[in-house]
PDB file of all heavy atoms in Angstrom:
ATOM      1  N   ARG A   1    -127.819 -97.975   5.237  1.00  0.00           N
ATOM      2  CA  ARG A   1    -128.765 -97.400   6.208  1.00  0.00           C
ATOM      3  C   ARG A   1    -129.021 -98.280   7.420  1.00  0.00           C
ATOM      4  O   ARG A   1    -129.178 -97.795   8.548  1.00  0.00           O
ATOM      5  CB  ARG A   1    -130.078 -97.077   5.511  1.00  0.00           C
ATOM      6  CG  ARG A   1    -129.988 -95.940   4.511  1.00  0.00           C
ATOM      7  CD  ARG A   1    -131.304 -95.711   3.836  1.00  0.00           C
ATOM      8  NE  ARG A   1    -131.731 -96.892   3.080  1.00  0.00           N
ATOM      9  CZ  ARG A   1    -132.954 -97.073   2.629  1.00  0.00           C
ATOM     10  NH1 ARG A   1    -133.881 -96.170   2.848  1.00  0.00           N
ATOM     11  NH2 ARG A   1    -133.256 -98.151   1.940  1.00  0.00           N
ATOM     12  N   TYR A   2    -129.061 -99.603   7.207  1.00  0.00           N
ATOM     13  CA  TYR A   2    -129.335-100.503   8.319  1.00  0.00           C
ATOM     14  C   TYR A   2    -128.144-101.392   8.655  1.00  0.00           C
ATOM     15  O   TYR A   2    -128.269-102.361   9.396  1.00  0.00           O
ATOM     16  CB  TYR A   2    -130.587-101.334   8.029  1.00  0.00           C
ATOM     17  CG  TYR A   2    -131.815-100.464   7.932  1.00  0.00           C
ATOM     18  CD1 TYR A   2    -132.295-100.037   6.698  1.00  0.00           C
ATOM     19  CD2 TYR A   2    -132.474-100.019   9.083  1.00  0.00           C
ATOM     20  CE1 TYR A   2    -133.403 -99.208   6.605  1.00  0.00           C
ATOM     21  CE2 TYR A   2    -133.586 -99.203   8.998  1.00  0.00           C
ATOM     22  CZ  TYR A   2    -134.042 -98.795   7.750  1.00  0.00           C
ATOM     23  OH  TYR A   2    -135.132 -97.971   7.665  1.00  0.00           O
ATOM     24  N   GLY A   3    -126.993-101.046   8.069  1.00  0.00           N
ATOM     25  CA  GLY A   3    -125.756-101.719   8.440  1.00  0.00           C
ATOM     26  C   GLY A   3    -125.457-103.006   7.702  1.00  0.00           C
ATOM     27  O   GLY A   3    -124.457-103.665   7.989  1.00  0.00           O
ATOM     28  N   GLY A   4    -126.279-103.371   6.742  1.00  0.00           N
ATOM     29  CA  GLY A   4    -126.076-104.642   6.066  1.00  0.00           C
ATOM     30  C   GLY A   4    -124.977-104.638   5.029  1.00  0.00           C
ATOM     31  O   GLY A   4    -124.475-105.696   4.628  1.00  0.00           O
ATOM     32  N   ILE A   5    -124.585-103.446   4.598  1.00  0.00           N
ATOM     33  CA  ILE A   5    -123.539-103.322   3.580  1.00  0.00           C
ATOM     34  C   ILE A   5    -122.469-102.389   4.120  1.00  0.00           C
ATOM     35  O   ILE A   5    -122.772-101.301   4.619  1.00  0.00           O
ATOM     36  CB  ILE A   5    -124.101-102.743   2.270  1.00  0.00           C
ATOM     37  CG1 ILE A   5    -125.174-103.669   1.701  1.00  0.00           C
ATOM     38  CG2 ILE A   5    -122.989-102.518   1.247  1.00  0.00           C
ATOM     39  CD1 ILE A   5    -125.930-103.065   0.525  1.00  0.00           C
ATOM     40  N   THR A   6    -121.222-102.817   4.019  1.00  0.00           N
ATOM     41  CA  THR A   6    -120.095-101.974   4.424  1.00  0.00           C
ATOM     42  C   THR A   6    -119.010-102.016   3.353  1.00  0.00           C
ATOM     43  O   THR A   6    -118.863-103.012   2.632  1.00  0.00           O
ATOM     44  CB  THR A   6    -119.484-102.423   5.761  1.00  0.00           C
ATOM     45  OG1 THR A   6    -119.058-103.783   5.657  1.00  0.00           O
ATOM     46  CG2 THR A   6    -120.485-102.287   6.897  1.00  0.00           C
ATOM     47  N   TYR A   7    -118.292-100.922   3.263  1.00  0.00           N
ATOM     48  CA  TYR A   7    -117.158-100.825   2.353  1.00  0.00           C
ATOM     49  C   TYR A   7    -115.978-100.222   3.111  1.00  0.00           C
ATOM     50  O   TYR A   7    -116.169 -99.410   4.029  1.00  0.00           O
ATOM     51  CB  TYR A   7    -117.485 -99.922   1.159  1.00  0.00           C
ATOM     52  CG  TYR A   7    -118.457-100.524   0.180  1.00  0.00           C
ATOM     53  CD1 TYR A   7    -119.806-100.213   0.241  1.00  0.00           C
ATOM     54  CD2 TYR A   7    -118.022-101.403  -0.813  1.00  0.00           C
ATOM     55  CE1 TYR A   7    -120.711-100.764  -0.659  1.00  0.00           C
ATOM     56  CE2 TYR A   7    -118.914-101.952  -1.715  1.00  0.00           C
ATOM     57  CZ  TYR A   7    -120.258-101.632  -1.627  1.00  0.00           C
ATOM     58  OH  TYR A   7    -121.143-102.183  -2.516  1.00  0.00           O
ATOM     59  N   TYR A   8    -114.784-100.615   2.679  1.00  0.00           N
ATOM     60  CA  TYR A   8    -113.567-100.093   3.295  1.00  0.00           C
ATOM     61  C   TYR A   8    -112.557 -99.720   2.222  1.00  0.00           C
ATOM     62  O   TYR A   8    -112.444-100.398   1.189  1.00  0.00           O
ATOM     63  CB  TYR A   8    -112.941-101.132   4.223  1.00  0.00           C
ATOM     64  CG  TYR A   8    -113.808-101.465   5.422  1.00  0.00           C
ATOM     65  CD1 TYR A   8    -114.701-102.525   5.381  1.00  0.00           C
ATOM     66  CD2 TYR A   8    -113.748-100.681   6.570  1.00  0.00           C
ATOM     67  CE1 TYR A   8    -115.511-102.822   6.468  1.00  0.00           C
ATOM     68  CE2 TYR A   8    -114.550-100.965   7.665  1.00  0.00           C
ATOM     69  CZ  TYR A   8    -115.427-102.038   7.602  1.00  0.00           C
ATOM     70  OH  TYR A   8    -116.227-102.304   8.687  1.00  0.00           O
ATOM     71  N   GLY A   9    -111.812 -98.666   2.496  1.00  0.00           N
ATOM     72  CA  GLY A   9    -110.700 -98.346   1.636  1.00  0.00           C
ATOM     73  C   GLY A   9    -109.601 -99.391   1.787  1.00  0.00           C
ATOM     74  O   GLY A   9    -109.457-100.006   2.847  1.00  0.00           O
ATOM     75  N   ASP A  10    -108.821 -99.567   0.744  1.00  0.00           N
ATOM     76  CA  ASP A  10    -107.789-100.610   0.756  1.00  0.00           C
ATOM     77  C   ASP A  10    -106.793-100.416   1.895  1.00  0.00           C
ATOM     78  O   ASP A  10    -106.300-101.385   2.476  1.00  0.00           O
ATOM     79  CB  ASP A  10    -107.050-100.629  -0.578  1.00  0.00           C
ATOM     80  CG  ASP A  10    -107.896-101.183  -1.705  1.00  0.00           C
ATOM     81  OD1 ASP A  10    -108.897-101.863  -1.427  1.00  0.00           O
ATOM     82  OD2 ASP A  10    -107.556-100.912  -2.874  1.00  0.00           O
ATOM     83  N   SER A  11    -106.497 -99.167   2.219  1.00  0.00           N
ATOM     84  CA  SER A  11    -105.479 -98.900   3.227  1.00  0.00           C
ATOM     85  C   SER A  11    -105.938 -99.206   4.648  1.00  0.00           C
ATOM     86  O   SER A  11    -105.101 -99.260   5.558  1.00  0.00           O
ATOM     87  CB  SER A  11    -105.027 -97.444   3.135  1.00  0.00           C
ATOM     88  OG  SER A  11    -106.109 -96.574   3.397  1.00  0.00           O
ATOM     89  N   VAL A  12    -107.229 -99.415   4.864  1.00  0.00           N
ATOM     90  CA  VAL A  12    -107.720 -99.652   6.219  1.00  0.00           C
ATOM     91  C   VAL A  12    -108.376-101.015   6.392  1.00  0.00           C
ATOM     92  O   VAL A  12    -108.753-101.383   7.505  1.00  0.00           O
ATOM     93  CB  VAL A  12    -108.713 -98.551   6.658  1.00  0.00           C
ATOM     94  CG1 VAL A  12    -108.090 -97.165   6.474  1.00  0.00           C
ATOM     95  CG2 VAL A  12    -110.032 -98.661   5.922  1.00  0.00           C
ATOM     96  N   LYS A  13    -108.515-101.750   5.315  1.00  0.00           N
ATOM     97  CA  LYS A  13    -109.153-103.068   5.406  1.00  0.00           C
ATOM     98  C   LYS A  13    -108.432-103.955   6.401  1.00  0.00           C
ATOM     99  O   LYS A  13    -107.203-104.032   6.401  1.00  0.00           O
ATOM    100  CB  LYS A  13    -109.158-103.741   4.029  1.00  0.00           C
ATOM    101  CG  LYS A  13    -110.244-103.261   3.110  1.00  0.00           C
ATOM    102  CD  LYS A  13    -110.174-103.969   1.762  1.00  0.00           C
ATOM    103  CE  LYS A  13    -111.227-103.433   0.808  1.00  0.00           C
ATOM    104  NZ  LYS A  13    -111.123-104.039  -0.535  1.00  0.00           N
ATOM    105  N   GLY A  14    -109.219-104.620   7.228  1.00  0.00           N
ATOM    106  CA  GLY A  14    -108.655-105.507   8.229  1.00  0.00           C
ATOM    107  C   GLY A  14    -108.237-104.822   9.512  1.00  0.00           C
ATOM    108  O   GLY A  14    -107.928-105.492  10.506  1.00  0.00           O
ATOM    109  N   ARG A  15    -108.208-103.477   9.500  1.00  0.00           N
ATOM    110  CA  ARG A  15    -107.809-102.736  10.697  1.00  0.00           C
ATOM    111  C   ARG A  15    -108.942-101.882  11.265  1.00  0.00           C
ATOM    112  O   ARG A  15    -109.004-101.662  12.478  1.00  0.00           O
ATOM    113  CB  ARG A  15    -106.614-101.823  10.383  1.00  0.00           C
ATOM    114  CG  ARG A  15    -105.392-102.545   9.884  1.00  0.00           C
ATOM    115  CD  ARG A  15    -104.201-101.598   9.768  1.00  0.00           C
ATOM    116  NE  ARG A  15    -104.440-100.518   8.807  1.00  0.00           N
ATOM    117  CZ  ARG A  15    -104.377 -99.223   9.122  1.00  0.00           C
ATOM    118  NH1 ARG A  15    -104.102 -98.842  10.349  1.00  0.00           N
ATOM    119  NH2 ARG A  15    -104.586 -98.298   8.185  1.00  0.00           N
ATOM    120  N   PHE A  16    -109.813-101.388  10.395  1.00  0.00           N
ATOM    121  CA  PHE A  16    -110.907-100.513  10.807  1.00  0.00           C
ATOM    122  C   PHE A  16    -112.228-101.251  10.655  1.00  0.00           C
ATOM    123  O   PHE A  16    -112.394-102.084   9.748  1.00  0.00           O
ATOM    124  CB  PHE A  16    -110.950 -99.255   9.941  1.00  0.00           C
ATOM    125  CG  PHE A  16    -109.812 -98.289  10.131  1.00  0.00           C
ATOM    126  CD1 PHE A  16    -108.677 -98.627  10.869  1.00  0.00           C
ATOM    127  CD2 PHE A  16    -109.875 -97.035   9.553  1.00  0.00           C
ATOM    128  CE1 PHE A  16    -107.643 -97.732  11.028  1.00  0.00           C
ATOM    129  CE2 PHE A  16    -108.841 -96.127   9.703  1.00  0.00           C
ATOM    130  CZ  PHE A  16    -107.727 -96.483  10.432  1.00  0.00           C
ATOM    131  N   THR A  17    -113.173-100.898  11.524  1.00  0.00           N
ATOM    132  CA  THR A  17    -114.516-101.458  11.450  1.00  0.00           C
ATOM    133  C   THR A  17    -115.531-100.339  11.625  1.00  0.00           C
ATOM    134  O   THR A  17    -115.461 -99.578  12.597  1.00  0.00           O
ATOM    135  CB  THR A  17    -114.739-102.516  12.539  1.00  0.00           C
ATOM    136  OG1 THR A  17    -113.764-103.559  12.398  1.00  0.00           O
ATOM    137  CG2 THR A  17    -116.134-103.132  12.405  1.00  0.00           C
ATOM    138  N   ILE A  18    -116.467-100.269  10.699  1.00  0.00           N
ATOM    139  CA  ILE A  18    -117.544 -99.284  10.794  1.00  0.00           C
ATOM    140  C   ILE A  18    -118.792 -99.974  11.324  1.00  0.00           C
ATOM    141  O   ILE A  18    -119.056-101.144  11.014  1.00  0.00           O
ATOM    142  CB  ILE A  18    -117.819 -98.613   9.420  1.00  0.00           C
ATOM    143  CG1 ILE A  18    -118.716 -97.398   9.586  1.00  0.00           C
ATOM    144  CG2 ILE A  18    -118.384 -99.613   8.424  1.00  0.00           C
ATOM    145  CD1 ILE A  18    -118.834 -96.542   8.306  1.00  0.00           C
ATOM    146  N   SER A  19    -119.555 -99.244  12.121  1.00  0.00           N
ATOM    147  CA  SER A  19    -120.813 -99.770  12.634  1.00  0.00           C
ATOM    148  C   SER A  19    -121.742 -98.595  12.899  1.00  0.00           C
ATOM    149  O   SER A  19    -121.321 -97.435  12.882  1.00  0.00           O
ATOM    150  CB  SER A  19    -120.594-100.585  13.915  1.00  0.00           C
ATOM    151  OG  SER A  19    -120.040 -99.777  14.944  1.00  0.00           O
ATOM    152  N   ARG A  20    -123.003 -98.900  13.135  1.00  0.00           N
ATOM    153  CA  ARG A  20    -123.958 -97.834  13.422  1.00  0.00           C
ATOM    154  C   ARG A  20    -125.000 -98.328  14.399  1.00  0.00           C
ATOM    155  O   ARG A  20    -125.321 -99.524  14.434  1.00  0.00           O
ATOM    156  CB  ARG A  20    -124.599 -97.310  12.148  1.00  0.00           C
ATOM    157  CG  ARG A  20    -125.511 -98.278  11.417  1.00  0.00           C
ATOM    158  CD  ARG A  20    -125.908 -97.707  10.055  1.00  0.00           C
ATOM    159  NE  ARG A  20    -126.682 -96.472  10.174  1.00  0.00           N
ATOM    160  CZ  ARG A  20    -126.894 -95.635   9.163  1.00  0.00           C
ATOM    161  NH1 ARG A  20    -126.363 -95.869   7.964  1.00  0.00           N
ATOM    162  NH2 ARG A  20    -127.620 -94.547   9.343  1.00  0.00           N
ATOM    163  N   ASP A  21    -125.519 -97.384  15.156  1.00  0.00           N
ATOM    164  CA  ASP A  21    -126.605 -97.635  16.087  1.00  0.00           C
ATOM    165  C   ASP A  21    -127.685 -96.611  15.768  1.00  0.00           C
ATOM    166  O   ASP A  21    -127.592 -95.458  16.215  1.00  0.00           O
ATOM    167  CB  ASP A  21    -126.103 -97.504  17.523  1.00  0.00           C
ATOM    168  CG  ASP A  21    -127.177 -97.857  18.550  1.00  0.00           C
ATOM    169  OD1 ASP A  21    -128.375 -97.835  18.211  1.00  0.00           O
ATOM    170  OD2 ASP A  21    -126.807 -98.127  19.703  1.00  0.00           O
ATOM    171  N   ASN A  22    -128.673 -97.008  15.007  1.00  0.00           N
ATOM    172  CA  ASN A  22    -129.699 -96.061  14.574  1.00  0.00           C
ATOM    173  C   ASN A  22    -130.546 -95.565  15.742  1.00  0.00           C
ATOM    174  O   ASN A  22    -131.067 -94.447  15.687  1.00  0.00           O
ATOM    175  CB  ASN A  22    -130.571 -96.678  13.500  1.00  0.00           C
ATOM    176  CG  ASN A  22    -129.845 -96.774  12.161  1.00  0.00           C
ATOM    177  OD1 ASN A  22    -128.862 -96.084  11.922  1.00  0.00           O
ATOM    178  ND2 ASN A  22    -130.343 -97.638  11.291  1.00  0.00           N
ATOM    179  N   ALA A  23    -130.676 -96.353  16.761  1.00  0.00           N
ATOM    180  CA  ALA A  23    -131.427 -95.905  17.939  1.00  0.00           C
ATOM    181  C   ALA A  23    -130.739 -94.711  18.599  1.00  0.00           C
ATOM    182  O   ALA A  23    -131.397 -93.866  19.207  1.00  0.00           O
ATOM    183  CB  ALA A  23    -131.576 -97.044  18.929  1.00  0.00           C
ATOM    184  N   LYS A  24    -129.418 -94.668  18.470  1.00  0.00           N
ATOM    185  CA  LYS A  24    -128.646 -93.553  19.038  1.00  0.00           C
ATOM    186  C   LYS A  24    -128.236 -92.554  17.965  1.00  0.00           C
ATOM    187  O   LYS A  24    -127.524 -91.588  18.263  1.00  0.00           O
ATOM    188  CB  LYS A  24    -127.398 -94.090  19.743  1.00  0.00           C
ATOM    189  CG  LYS A  24    -127.703 -94.962  20.945  1.00  0.00           C
ATOM    190  CD  LYS A  24    -126.417 -95.413  21.626  1.00  0.00           C
ATOM    191  CE  LYS A  24    -126.728 -96.258  22.851  1.00  0.00           C
ATOM    192  NZ  LYS A  24    -125.485 -96.725  23.536  1.00  0.00           N
ATOM    193  N   SER A  25    -128.630 -92.805  16.723  1.00  0.00           N
ATOM    194  CA  SER A  25    -128.265 -91.908  15.611  1.00  0.00           C
ATOM    195  C   SER A  25    -126.766 -91.677  15.569  1.00  0.00           C
ATOM    196  O   SER A  25    -126.304 -90.542  15.366  1.00  0.00           O
ATOM    197  CB  SER A  25    -129.010 -90.574  15.739  1.00  0.00           C
ATOM    198  OG  SER A  25    -130.399 -90.772  15.666  1.00  0.00           O
ATOM    199  N   THR A  26    -126.011 -92.732  15.739  1.00  0.00           N
ATOM    200  CA  THR A  26    -124.555 -92.623  15.823  1.00  0.00           C
ATOM    201  C   THR A  26    -123.884 -93.682  14.963  1.00  0.00           C
ATOM    202  O   THR A  26    -124.329 -94.831  14.927  1.00  0.00           O
ATOM    203  CB  THR A  26    -124.080 -92.754  17.282  1.00  0.00           C
ATOM    204  OG1 THR A  26    -124.708 -91.740  18.072  1.00  0.00           O
ATOM    205  CG2 THR A  26    -122.573 -92.580  17.375  1.00  0.00           C
ATOM    206  N   VAL A  27    -122.825 -93.247  14.301  1.00  0.00           N
ATOM    207  CA  VAL A  27    -121.981 -94.146  13.527  1.00  0.00           C
ATOM    208  C   VAL A  27    -120.604 -94.173  14.184  1.00  0.00           C
ATOM    209  O   VAL A  27    -120.124 -93.147  14.661  1.00  0.00           O
ATOM    210  CB  VAL A  27    -121.865 -93.671  12.067  1.00  0.00           C
ATOM    211  CG1 VAL A  27    -120.900 -94.539  11.287  1.00  0.00           C
ATOM    212  CG2 VAL A  27    -123.221 -93.681  11.403  1.00  0.00           C
ATOM    213  N   TYR A  28    -120.000 -95.333  14.168  1.00  0.00           N
ATOM    214  CA  TYR A  28    -118.698 -95.506  14.816  1.00  0.00           C
ATOM    215  C   TYR A  28    -117.661 -95.973  13.815  1.00  0.00           C
ATOM    216  O   TYR A  28    -117.963 -96.648  12.832  1.00  0.00           O
ATOM    217  CB  TYR A  28    -118.802 -96.540  15.939  1.00  0.00           C
ATOM    218  CG  TYR A  28    -119.861 -96.228  16.958  1.00  0.00           C
ATOM    219  CD1 TYR A  28    -121.124 -96.821  16.885  1.00  0.00           C
ATOM    220  CD2 TYR A  28    -119.613 -95.332  17.996  1.00  0.00           C
ATOM    221  CE1 TYR A  28    -122.104 -96.535  17.817  1.00  0.00           C
ATOM    222  CE2 TYR A  28    -120.588 -95.050  18.930  1.00  0.00           C
ATOM    223  CZ  TYR A  28    -121.830 -95.651  18.839  1.00  0.00           C
ATOM    224  OH  TYR A  28    -122.801 -95.352  19.762  1.00  0.00           O
ATOM    225  N   LEU A  29    -116.428 -95.633  14.103  1.00  0.00           N
ATOM    226  CA  LEU A  29    -115.306 -96.165  13.344  1.00  0.00           C
ATOM    227  C   LEU A  29    -114.273 -96.641  14.356  1.00  0.00           C
ATOM    228  O   LEU A  29    -113.612 -95.832  15.006  1.00  0.00           O
ATOM    229  CB  LEU A  29    -114.694 -95.110  12.422  1.00  0.00           C
ATOM    230  CG  LEU A  29    -113.586 -95.641  11.508  1.00  0.00           C
ATOM    231  CD1 LEU A  29    -114.179 -96.589  10.456  1.00  0.00           C
ATOM    232  CD2 LEU A  29    -112.857 -94.480  10.815  1.00  0.00           C
ATOM    233  N   GLN A  30    -114.171 -97.943  14.492  1.00  0.00           N
ATOM    234  CA  GLN A  30    -113.175 -98.535  15.378  1.00  0.00           C
ATOM    235  C   GLN A  30    -111.898 -98.740  14.586  1.00  0.00           C
ATOM    236  O   GLN A  30    -111.908 -99.411  13.549  1.00  0.00           O
ATOM    237  CB  GLN A  30    -113.671 -99.870  15.928  1.00  0.00           C
ATOM    238  CG  GLN A  30    -112.687-100.549  16.854  1.00  0.00           C
ATOM    239  CD  GLN A  30    -112.490 -99.793  18.153  1.00  0.00           C
ATOM    240  OE1 GLN A  30    -113.437 -99.504  18.864  1.00  0.00           O
ATOM    241  NE2 GLN A  30    -111.235 -99.479  18.475  1.00  0.00           N
ATOM    242  N   MET A  31    -110.809 -98.176  15.100  1.00  0.00           N
ATOM    243  CA  MET A  31    -109.537 -98.217  14.378  1.00  0.00           C
ATOM    244  C   MET A  31    -108.490 -98.926  15.216  1.00  0.00           C
ATOM    245  O   MET A  31    -108.281 -98.572  16.386  1.00  0.00           O
ATOM    246  CB  MET A  31    -109.081 -96.788  14.069  1.00  0.00           C
ATOM    247  CG  MET A  31    -110.118 -95.961  13.340  1.00  0.00           C
ATOM    248  SD  MET A  31    -109.524 -94.329  12.837  1.00  0.00           S
ATOM    249  CE  MET A  31    -109.275 -93.564  14.434  1.00  0.00           C
ATOM    250  N   HIS A  32    -107.859 -99.916  14.632  1.00  0.00           N
ATOM    251  CA  HIS A  32    -106.800-100.668  15.307  1.00  0.00           C
ATOM    252  C   HIS A  32    -105.516-100.591  14.486  1.00  0.00           C
ATOM    253  O   HIS A  32    -105.530-100.234  13.314  1.00  0.00           O
ATOM    254  CB  HIS A  32    -107.202-102.139  15.465  1.00  0.00           C
ATOM    255  CG  HIS A  32    -108.367-102.362  16.366  1.00  0.00           C
ATOM    256  ND1 HIS A  32    -108.353-102.053  17.713  1.00  0.00           N
ATOM    257  CD2 HIS A  32    -109.596-102.880  16.108  1.00  0.00           C
ATOM    258  CE1 HIS A  32    -109.516-102.380  18.252  1.00  0.00           C
ATOM    259  NE2 HIS A  32    -110.290-102.880  17.302  1.00  0.00           N
ATOM    260  N   SER A  33    -104.415-100.961  15.144  1.00  0.00           N
ATOM    261  CA  SER A  33    -103.103-101.033  14.474  1.00  0.00           C
ATOM    262  C   SER A  33    -102.788 -99.756  13.707  1.00  0.00           C
ATOM    263  O   SER A  33    -102.374 -99.786  12.548  1.00  0.00           O
ATOM    264  CB  SER A  33    -103.068-102.244  13.519  1.00  0.00           C
ATOM    265  OG  SER A  33    -103.342-103.443  14.223  1.00  0.00           O
ATOM    266  N   LEU A  34    -102.989 -98.648  14.368  1.00  0.00           N
ATOM    267  CA  LEU A  34    -102.806 -97.351  13.712  1.00  0.00           C
ATOM    268  C   LEU A  34    -101.335 -97.103  13.395  1.00  0.00           C
ATOM    269  O   LEU A  34    -100.434 -97.509  14.153  1.00  0.00           O
ATOM    270  CB  LEU A  34    -103.358 -96.243  14.592  1.00  0.00           C
ATOM    271  CG  LEU A  34    -104.888 -96.210  14.666  1.00  0.00           C
ATOM    272  CD1 LEU A  34    -105.362 -95.397  15.862  1.00  0.00           C
ATOM    273  CD2 LEU A  34    -105.462 -95.638  13.382  1.00  0.00           C
TER     274      LEU A  34
END
C-alpha cells in the first residue's frame, strides 16, 4: 500500500520496476530490456 514491499516474477526480475504515487493514485511499471 505504501510501497515498502515489492515482489517480482522470476522472468522480470532485474528488468522491471514497480512504483506507486498515492497522491496521484497511480501505479507504474517501468520495463527495460524487453
